[in-house]
PDB file of N, CA and C in Angstrom:
ATOM      1  N   UNK A   1     179.059  81.371  63.304  1.00  0.00           N
ATOM      2  CA  UNK A   1     178.794  81.352  61.875  1.00  0.00           C
ATOM      3  C   UNK A   1     179.368  82.614  61.255  1.00  0.00           C
ATOM      4  N   UNK A   2     180.070  82.449  60.112  1.00  0.00           N
ATOM      5  CA  UNK A   2     180.605  83.618  59.426  1.00  0.00           C
ATOM      6  C   UNK A   2     180.418  83.459  57.926  1.00  0.00           C
ATOM      7  N   UNK A   3     180.103  84.548  57.280  1.00  0.00           N
ATOM      8  CA  UNK A   3     179.939  84.555  55.828  1.00  0.00           C
ATOM      9  C   UNK A   3     180.876  85.622  55.278  1.00  0.00           C
ATOM     10  N   UNK A   4     181.771  85.193  54.395  1.00  0.00           N
ATOM     11  CA  UNK A   4     182.701  86.122  53.759  1.00  0.00           C
ATOM     12  C   UNK A   4     182.508  86.064  52.264  1.00  0.00           C
ATOM     13  N   UNK A   5     182.448  87.225  51.640  1.00  0.00           N
ATOM     14  CA  UNK A   5     182.246  87.278  50.193  1.00  0.00           C
ATOM     15  C   UNK A   5     183.580  87.491  49.501  1.00  0.00           C
ATOM     16  N   UNK A   6     183.839  86.661  48.501  1.00  0.00           N
ATOM     17  CA  UNK A   6     185.072  86.756  47.732  1.00  0.00           C
ATOM     18  C   UNK A   6     184.703  86.746  46.263  1.00  0.00           C
ATOM     19  N   UNK A   7     185.207  87.685  45.498  1.00  0.00           N
ATOM     20  CA  UNK A   7     184.969  87.663  44.062  1.00  0.00           C
ATOM     21  C   UNK A   7     186.030  86.797  43.413  1.00  0.00           C
ATOM     22  N   UNK A   8     185.585  85.710  42.769  1.00  0.00           N
ATOM     23  CA  UNK A   8     186.507  84.831  42.047  1.00  0.00           C
ATOM     24  C   UNK A   8     186.780  85.393  40.661  1.00  0.00           C
ATOM     25  N   UNK A   9     185.733  85.728  39.957  1.00  0.00           N
ATOM     26  CA  UNK A   9     185.851  86.379  38.655  1.00  0.00           C
ATOM     27  C   UNK A   9     184.813  87.485  38.653  1.00  0.00           C
ATOM     28  N   UNK A  10     184.733  88.224  37.577  1.00  0.00           N
ATOM     29  CA  UNK A  10     183.718  89.268  37.502  1.00  0.00           C
ATOM     30  C   UNK A  10     182.325  88.666  37.537  1.00  0.00           C
ATOM     31  N   UNK A  11     182.178  87.424  37.047  1.00  0.00           N
ATOM     32  CA  UNK A  11     180.868  86.805  36.947  1.00  0.00           C
ATOM     33  C   UNK A  11     180.501  85.998  38.194  1.00  0.00           C
ATOM     34  N   UNK A  12     181.443  85.193  38.702  1.00  0.00           N
ATOM     35  CA  UNK A  12     181.162  84.297  39.828  1.00  0.00           C
ATOM     36  C   UNK A  12     181.460  84.964  41.157  1.00  0.00           C
ATOM     37  N   UNK A  13     180.520  84.846  42.073  1.00  0.00           N
ATOM     38  CA  UNK A  13     180.749  85.299  43.434  1.00  0.00           C
ATOM     39  C   UNK A  13     180.669  84.076  44.321  1.00  0.00           C
ATOM     40  N   UNK A  14     181.645  83.922  45.179  1.00  0.00           N
ATOM     41  CA  UNK A  14     181.689  82.787  46.091  1.00  0.00           C
ATOM     42  C   UNK A  14     181.538  83.303  47.508  1.00  0.00           C
ATOM     43  N   UNK A  15     180.609  82.698  48.244  1.00  0.00           N
ATOM     44  CA  UNK A  15     180.466  83.004  49.665  1.00  0.00           C
ATOM     45  C   UNK A  15     180.883  81.782  50.443  1.00  0.00           C
ATOM     46  N   UNK A  16     181.514  82.005  51.577  1.00  0.00           N
ATOM     47  CA  UNK A  16     181.931  80.922  52.461  1.00  0.00           C
ATOM     48  C   UNK A  16     181.071  80.956  53.707  1.00  0.00           C
ATOM     49  N   UNK A  17     180.591  79.783  54.096  1.00  0.00           N
ATOM     50  CA  UNK A  17     179.762  79.640  55.287  1.00  0.00           C
ATOM     51  C   UNK A  17     180.382  78.570  56.160  1.00  0.00           C
ATOM     52  N   UNK A  18     180.823  78.938  57.347  1.00  0.00           N
ATOM     53  CA  UNK A  18     181.450  77.989  58.275  1.00  0.00           C
ATOM     54  C   UNK A  18     180.439  77.631  59.361  1.00  0.00           C
ATOM     55  N   UNK A  19     179.883  76.425  59.256  1.00  0.00           N
ATOM     56  CA  UNK A  19     178.895  75.972  60.244  1.00  0.00           C
ATOM     57  C   UNK A  19     179.398  74.728  60.975  1.00  0.00           C
ATOM     58  N   UNK A  20     180.714  74.633  61.115  1.00  0.00           N
ATOM     59  CA  UNK A  20     181.268  73.528  61.903  1.00  0.00           C
ATOM     60  C   UNK A  20     180.778  73.686  63.342  1.00  0.00           C
ATOM     61  N   UNK A  21     180.428  72.551  63.941  1.00  0.00           N
ATOM     62  CA  UNK A  21     179.888  72.578  65.295  1.00  0.00           C
ATOM     63  C   UNK A  21     178.368  72.598  65.324  1.00  0.00           C
ATOM     64  N   UNK A  22     177.731  72.798  64.189  1.00  0.00           N
ATOM     65  CA  UNK A  22     176.263  72.792  64.094  1.00  0.00           C
ATOM     66  C   UNK A  22     175.790  71.406  63.663  1.00  0.00           C
ATOM     67  N   UNK A  23     174.576  71.048  64.047  1.00  0.00           N
ATOM     68  CA  UNK A  23     173.996  69.759  63.675  1.00  0.00           C
ATOM     69  C   UNK A  23     172.676  69.981  62.940  1.00  0.00           C
ATOM     70  N   UNK A  24     172.205  68.920  62.288  1.00  0.00           N
ATOM     71  CA  UNK A  24     170.921  68.973  61.586  1.00  0.00           C
ATOM     72  C   UNK A  24     169.803  69.167  62.605  1.00  0.00           C
ATOM     73  N   UNK A  25     168.785  69.909  62.293  1.00  0.00           N
ATOM     74  CA  UNK A  25     168.481  70.522  60.997  1.00  0.00           C
ATOM     75  C   UNK A  25     169.093  71.907  60.815  1.00  0.00           C
ATOM     76  N   UNK A  26     169.834  72.402  61.799  1.00  0.00           N
ATOM     77  CA  UNK A  26     170.370  73.762  61.703  1.00  0.00           C
ATOM     78  C   UNK A  26     171.390  73.914  60.582  1.00  0.00           C
ATOM     79  N   UNK A  27     172.075  72.825  60.213  1.00  0.00           N
ATOM     80  CA  UNK A  27     173.024  72.926  59.105  1.00  0.00           C
ATOM     81  C   UNK A  27     172.309  73.365  57.833  1.00  0.00           C
ATOM     82  N   UNK A  28     171.125  72.821  57.599  1.00  0.00           N
ATOM     83  CA  UNK A  28     170.362  73.215  56.418  1.00  0.00           C
ATOM     84  C   UNK A  28     169.785  74.616  56.574  1.00  0.00           C
ATOM     85  N   UNK A  29     169.317  74.948  57.754  1.00  0.00           N
ATOM     86  CA  UNK A  29     168.728  76.276  57.978  1.00  0.00           C
ATOM     87  C   UNK A  29     169.754  77.367  57.674  1.00  0.00           C
ATOM     88  N   UNK A  30     170.967  77.234  58.211  1.00  0.00           N
ATOM     89  CA  UNK A  30     172.008  78.235  57.953  1.00  0.00           C
ATOM     90  C   UNK A  30     172.391  78.273  56.467  1.00  0.00           C
ATOM     91  N   UNK A  31     172.443  77.104  55.836  1.00  0.00           N
ATOM     92  CA  UNK A  31     172.770  77.040  54.412  1.00  0.00           C
ATOM     93  C   UNK A  31     171.690  77.734  53.587  1.00  0.00           C
ATOM     94  N   UNK A  32     170.430  77.455  53.906  1.00  0.00           N
ATOM     95  CA  UNK A  32     169.321  78.071  53.172  1.00  0.00           C
ATOM     96  C   UNK A  32     169.347  79.595  53.313  1.00  0.00           C
ATOM     97  N   UNK A  33     169.576  80.090  54.514  1.00  0.00           N
ATOM     98  CA  UNK A  33     169.637  81.537  54.729  1.00  0.00           C
ATOM     99  C   UNK A  33     170.764  82.174  53.923  1.00  0.00           C
ATOM    100  N   UNK A  34     171.907  81.508  53.871  1.00  0.00           N
ATOM    101  CA  UNK A  34     173.038  82.034  53.102  1.00  0.00           C
ATOM    102  C   UNK A  34     172.730  82.018  51.607  1.00  0.00           C
ATOM    103  N   UNK A  35     172.097  80.957  51.133  1.00  0.00           N
ATOM    104  CA  UNK A  35     171.737  80.873  49.712  1.00  0.00           C
ATOM    105  C   UNK A  35     170.747  81.961  49.315  1.00  0.00           C
ATOM    106  N   UNK A  36     169.834  82.304  50.210  1.00  0.00           N
ATOM    107  CA  UNK A  36     168.841  83.330  49.908  1.00  0.00           C
ATOM    108  C   UNK A  36     169.473  84.700  49.672  1.00  0.00           C
ATOM    109  N   UNK A  37     170.672  84.917  50.195  1.00  0.00           N
ATOM    110  CA  UNK A  37     171.370  86.192  49.999  1.00  0.00           C
ATOM    111  C   UNK A  37     172.098  86.258  48.658  1.00  0.00           C
ATOM    112  N   UNK A  38     172.238  85.118  47.991  1.00  0.00           N
ATOM    113  CA  UNK A  38     172.994  85.064  46.746  1.00  0.00           C
ATOM    114  C   UNK A  38     172.103  85.262  45.526  1.00  0.00           C
ATOM    115  N   UNK A  39     172.723  85.677  44.433  1.00  0.00           N
ATOM    116  CA  UNK A  39     172.042  85.744  43.143  1.00  0.00           C
ATOM    117  C   UNK A  39     172.167  84.389  42.451  1.00  0.00           C
ATOM    118  N   UNK A  40     171.271  84.140  41.526  1.00  0.00           N
ATOM    119  CA  UNK A  40     171.281  82.898  40.757  1.00  0.00           C
ATOM    120  C   UNK A  40     172.648  82.698  40.110  1.00  0.00           C
ATOM    121  N   UNK A  41     173.186  81.484  40.215  1.00  0.00           N
ATOM    122  CA  UNK A  41     174.474  81.156  39.613  1.00  0.00           C
ATOM    123  C   UNK A  41     175.660  81.354  40.524  1.00  0.00           C
ATOM    124  N   UNK A  42     175.475  82.055  41.644  1.00  0.00           N
ATOM    125  CA  UNK A  42     176.573  82.251  42.594  1.00  0.00           C
ATOM    126  C   UNK A  42     176.846  80.961  43.349  1.00  0.00           C
ATOM    127  N   UNK A  43     178.034  80.876  43.921  1.00  0.00           N
ATOM    128  CA  UNK A  43     178.512  79.670  44.587  1.00  0.00           C
ATOM    129  C   UNK A  43     178.571  79.903  46.099  1.00  0.00           C
ATOM    130  N   UNK A  44     178.132  78.884  46.852  1.00  0.00           N
ATOM    131  CA  UNK A  44     178.251  78.887  48.311  1.00  0.00           C
ATOM    132  C   UNK A  44     179.102  77.702  48.711  1.00  0.00           C
ATOM    133  N   UNK A  45     180.190  77.967  49.424  1.00  0.00           N
ATOM    134  CA  UNK A  45     181.026  76.905  49.967  1.00  0.00           C
ATOM    135  C   UNK A  45     180.719  76.793  51.453  1.00  0.00           C
ATOM    136  N   UNK A  46     180.244  75.620  51.860  1.00  0.00           N
ATOM    137  CA  UNK A  46     179.815  75.378  53.237  1.00  0.00           C
ATOM    138  C   UNK A  46     180.799  74.442  53.912  1.00  0.00           C
ATOM    139  N   UNK A  47     181.397  74.884  55.012  1.00  0.00           N
ATOM    140  CA  UNK A  47     182.265  74.032  55.819  1.00  0.00           C
ATOM    141  C   UNK A  47     181.435  73.448  56.942  1.00  0.00           C
ATOM    142  N   UNK A  48     181.454  72.114  57.080  1.00  0.00           N
ATOM    143  CA  UNK A  48     180.692  71.468  58.141  1.00  0.00           C
ATOM    144  C   UNK A  48     181.419  70.226  58.637  1.00  0.00           C
ATOM    145  N   UNK A  49     181.112  69.844  59.876  1.00  0.00           N
ATOM    146  CA  UNK A  49     181.763  68.682  60.468  1.00  0.00           C
ATOM    147  C   UNK A  49     180.761  67.658  60.999  1.00  0.00           C
ATOM    148  N   UNK A  50     179.505  67.799  60.657  1.00  0.00           N
ATOM    149  CA  UNK A  50     178.453  66.870  61.066  1.00  0.00           C
ATOM    150  C   UNK A  50     178.156  65.963  59.872  1.00  0.00           C
ATOM    151  N   UNK A  51     178.659  64.720  59.933  1.00  0.00           N
ATOM    152  CA  UNK A  51     178.618  63.807  58.784  1.00  0.00           C
ATOM    153  C   UNK A  51     177.233  63.647  58.145  1.00  0.00           C
ATOM    154  N   UNK A  52     176.128  63.490  58.905  1.00  0.00           N
ATOM    155  CA  UNK A  52     174.827  63.342  58.252  1.00  0.00           C
ATOM    156  C   UNK A  52     174.442  64.540  57.370  1.00  0.00           C
ATOM    157  N   UNK A  53     174.985  65.710  57.660  1.00  0.00           N
ATOM    158  CA  UNK A  53     174.660  66.905  56.871  1.00  0.00           C
ATOM    159  C   UNK A  53     175.225  66.834  55.457  1.00  0.00           C
ATOM    160  N   UNK A  54     176.254  66.017  55.246  1.00  0.00           N
ATOM    161  CA  UNK A  54     176.828  65.872  53.911  1.00  0.00           C
ATOM    162  C   UNK A  54     175.776  65.356  52.938  1.00  0.00           C
ATOM    163  N   UNK A  55     174.887  64.521  53.423  1.00  0.00           N
ATOM    164  CA  UNK A  55     173.800  63.992  52.606  1.00  0.00           C
ATOM    165  C   UNK A  55     172.562  64.893  52.688  1.00  0.00           C
ATOM    166  N   UNK A  56     172.219  65.314  53.909  1.00  0.00           N
ATOM    167  CA  UNK A  56     170.964  66.034  54.137  1.00  0.00           C
ATOM    168  C   UNK A  56     170.925  67.424  53.512  1.00  0.00           C
ATOM    169  N   UNK A  57     171.992  68.177  53.623  1.00  0.00           N
ATOM    170  CA  UNK A  57     171.991  69.557  53.104  1.00  0.00           C
ATOM    171  C   UNK A  57     171.791  69.580  51.587  1.00  0.00           C
ATOM    172  N   UNK A  58     172.592  68.832  50.805  1.00  0.00           N
ATOM    173  CA  UNK A  58     172.368  68.864  49.348  1.00  0.00           C
ATOM    174  C   UNK A  58     170.990  68.330  48.942  1.00  0.00           C
ATOM    175  N   UNK A  59     170.511  67.283  49.612  1.00  0.00           N
ATOM    176  CA  UNK A  59     169.189  66.738  49.284  1.00  0.00           C
ATOM    177  C   UNK A  59     168.095  67.771  49.512  1.00  0.00           C
ATOM    178  N   UNK A  60     168.159  68.476  50.630  1.00  0.00           N
ATOM    179  CA  UNK A  60     167.151  69.503  50.921  1.00  0.00           C
ATOM    180  C   UNK A  60     167.268  70.690  49.970  1.00  0.00           C
ATOM    181  N   UNK A  61     168.479  71.052  49.592  1.00  0.00           N
ATOM    182  CA  UNK A  61     168.668  72.139  48.629  1.00  0.00           C
ATOM    183  C   UNK A  61     168.050  71.783  47.285  1.00  0.00           C
ATOM    184  N   UNK A  62     168.246  70.556  46.844  1.00  0.00           N
ATOM    185  CA  UNK A  62     167.676  70.127  45.567  1.00  0.00           C
ATOM    186  C   UNK A  62     166.163  70.001  45.664  1.00  0.00           C
ATOM    187  N   UNK A  63     165.671  69.441  46.772  1.00  0.00           N
ATOM    188  CA  UNK A  63     164.224  69.258  46.963  1.00  0.00           C
ATOM    189  C   UNK A  63     163.493  70.593  46.921  1.00  0.00           C
ATOM    190  N   UNK A  64     164.109  71.636  47.471  1.00  0.00           N
ATOM    191  CA  UNK A  64     163.475  72.952  47.511  1.00  0.00           C
ATOM    192  C   UNK A  64     163.917  73.848  46.345  1.00  0.00           C
ATOM    193  N   UNK A  65     164.624  73.273  45.386  1.00  0.00           N
ATOM    194  CA  UNK A  65     165.105  74.004  44.206  1.00  0.00           C
ATOM    195  C   UNK A  65     165.899  75.253  44.576  1.00  0.00           C
ATOM    196  N   UNK A  66     166.757  75.112  45.583  1.00  0.00           N
ATOM    197  CA  UNK A  66     167.595  76.231  46.027  1.00  0.00           C
ATOM    198  C   UNK A  66     168.964  76.216  45.361  1.00  0.00           C
ATOM    199  N   UNK A  67     169.557  75.019  45.268  1.00  0.00           N
ATOM    200  CA  UNK A  67     170.929  74.919  44.775  1.00  0.00           C
ATOM    201  C   UNK A  67     171.210  73.506  44.297  1.00  0.00           C
ATOM    202  N   UNK A  68     172.247  73.413  43.458  1.00  0.00           N
ATOM    203  CA  UNK A  68     172.717  72.099  43.036  1.00  0.00           C
ATOM    204  C   UNK A  68     174.108  71.872  43.627  1.00  0.00           C
ATOM    205  N   UNK A  69     174.380  70.624  43.966  1.00  0.00           N
ATOM    206  CA  UNK A  69     175.669  70.255  44.531  1.00  0.00           C
ATOM    207  C   UNK A  69     176.693  70.162  43.411  1.00  0.00           C
ATOM    208  N   UNK A  70     177.814  70.879  43.563  1.00  0.00           N
ATOM    209  CA  UNK A  70     178.890  70.825  42.582  1.00  0.00           C
ATOM    210  C   UNK A  70     180.008  69.910  43.034  1.00  0.00           C
ATOM    211  N   UNK A  71     180.275  69.914  44.356  1.00  0.00           N
ATOM    212  CA  UNK A  71     181.436  69.166  44.852  1.00  0.00           C
ATOM    213  C   UNK A  71     181.333  68.957  46.355  1.00  0.00           C
ATOM    214  N   UNK A  72     181.854  67.811  46.808  1.00  0.00           N
ATOM    215  CA  UNK A  72     182.050  67.551  48.235  1.00  0.00           C
ATOM    216  C   UNK A  72     183.524  67.231  48.410  1.00  0.00           C
ATOM    217  N   UNK A  73     184.182  67.989  49.283  1.00  0.00           N
ATOM    218  CA  UNK A  73     185.605  67.800  49.509  1.00  0.00           C
ATOM    219  C   UNK A  73     185.845  67.503  50.986  1.00  0.00           C
ATOM    220  N   UNK A  74     186.560  66.415  51.274  1.00  0.00           N
ATOM    221  CA  UNK A  74     186.921  66.079  52.650  1.00  0.00           C
ATOM    222  C   UNK A  74     188.218  66.798  52.994  1.00  0.00           C
ATOM    223  N   UNK A  75     188.252  67.422  54.161  1.00  0.00           N
ATOM    224  CA  UNK A  75     189.406  68.211  54.576  1.00  0.00           C
ATOM    225  C   UNK A  75     189.887  67.712  55.931  1.00  0.00           C
ATOM    226  N   UNK A  76     191.185  67.608  56.087  1.00  0.00           N
ATOM    227  CA  UNK A  76     191.772  67.195  57.357  1.00  0.00           C
ATOM    228  C   UNK A  76     191.736  65.696  57.557  1.00  0.00           C
ATOM    229  N   UNK A  77     192.603  65.222  58.446  1.00  0.00           N
ATOM    230  CA  UNK A  77     192.629  63.799  58.748  1.00  0.00           C
ATOM    231  C   UNK A  77     192.286  63.549  60.219  1.00  0.00           C
ATOM    232  N   UNK A  78     192.812  64.353  61.114  1.00  0.00           N
ATOM    233  CA  UNK A  78     192.512  64.178  62.539  1.00  0.00           C
ATOM    234  C   UNK A  78     191.139  64.753  62.883  1.00  0.00           C
ATOM    235  N   UNK A  79     190.964  66.030  62.631  1.00  0.00           N
ATOM    236  CA  UNK A  79     189.681  66.689  62.858  1.00  0.00           C
ATOM    237  C   UNK A  79     189.000  66.871  61.503  1.00  0.00           C
ATOM    238  N   UNK A  80     188.432  65.787  61.024  1.00  0.00           N
ATOM    239  CA  UNK A  80     187.858  65.767  59.683  1.00  0.00           C
ATOM    240  C   UNK A  80     186.643  66.679  59.582  1.00  0.00           C
ATOM    241  N   UNK A  81     186.573  67.414  58.472  1.00  0.00           N
ATOM    242  CA  UNK A  81     185.382  68.177  58.127  1.00  0.00           C
ATOM    243  C   UNK A  81     185.264  68.209  56.609  1.00  0.00           C
ATOM    244  N   UNK A  82     184.178  68.757  56.109  1.00  0.00           N
ATOM    245  CA  UNK A  82     183.903  68.721  54.678  1.00  0.00           C
ATOM    246  C   UNK A  82     183.571  70.119  54.161  1.00  0.00           C
ATOM    247  N   UNK A  83     183.768  70.280  52.859  1.00  0.00           N
ATOM    248  CA  UNK A  83     183.371  71.499  52.157  1.00  0.00           C
ATOM    249  C   UNK A  83     182.387  71.095  51.076  1.00  0.00           C
ATOM    250  N   UNK A  84     181.171  71.619  51.177  1.00  0.00           N
ATOM    251  CA  UNK A  84     180.154  71.410  50.154  1.00  0.00           C
ATOM    252  C   UNK A  84     180.161  72.642  49.258  1.00  0.00           C
ATOM    253  N   UNK A  85     180.239  72.433  47.973  1.00  0.00           N
ATOM    254  CA  UNK A  85     180.198  73.535  47.015  1.00  0.00           C
ATOM    255  C   UNK A  85     178.834  73.484  46.338  1.00  0.00           C
ATOM    256  N   UNK A  86     178.023  74.521  46.555  1.00  0.00           N
ATOM    257  CA  UNK A  86     176.666  74.575  46.031  1.00  0.00           C
ATOM    258  C   UNK A  86     176.501  75.768  45.080  1.00  0.00           C
ATOM    259  N   UNK A  87     175.768  75.543  43.996  1.00  0.00           N
ATOM    260  CA  UNK A  87     175.488  76.626  43.043  1.00  0.00           C
ATOM    261  C   UNK A  87     174.009  76.963  43.155  1.00  0.00           C
ATOM    262  N   UNK A  88     173.725  78.245  43.427  1.00  0.00           N
ATOM    263  CA  UNK A  88     172.341  78.681  43.589  1.00  0.00           C
ATOM    264  C   UNK A  88     171.589  78.584  42.275  1.00  0.00           C
ATOM    265  N   UNK A  89     170.380  78.029  42.375  1.00  0.00           N
ATOM    266  CA  UNK A  89     169.517  77.893  41.194  1.00  0.00           C
ATOM    267  C   UNK A  89     168.631  79.123  41.038  1.00  0.00           C
TER     268      UNK A  89
END
C-alpha cells in the first residue's frame, strides 16, 4: 500500500491509494484510513483490482458519511483494475 500526495491546485489536494491485490473488507479499511488523513473536500483516488470493492467501498463510504463517489474509471484491458475517485465529506 502506498499513499502519495499531489497538489492539483492550491485548493484541491489529491491522494493516491494503491490497494491492488487486497480484497474486501480490507479494501474499505485501507480506504477509510486514507480518508481520515484528508481534510474535507480533498480527493482520494483509489486503485483496486477486486471487482466487488467497486460497489462495496463507495457504499460504505456513503453509509458512514466519509466520502462521496465522483468517478469510477476502468483501466487496462488484460490486467483490468479500477480507479475510484472519492471526495471527503
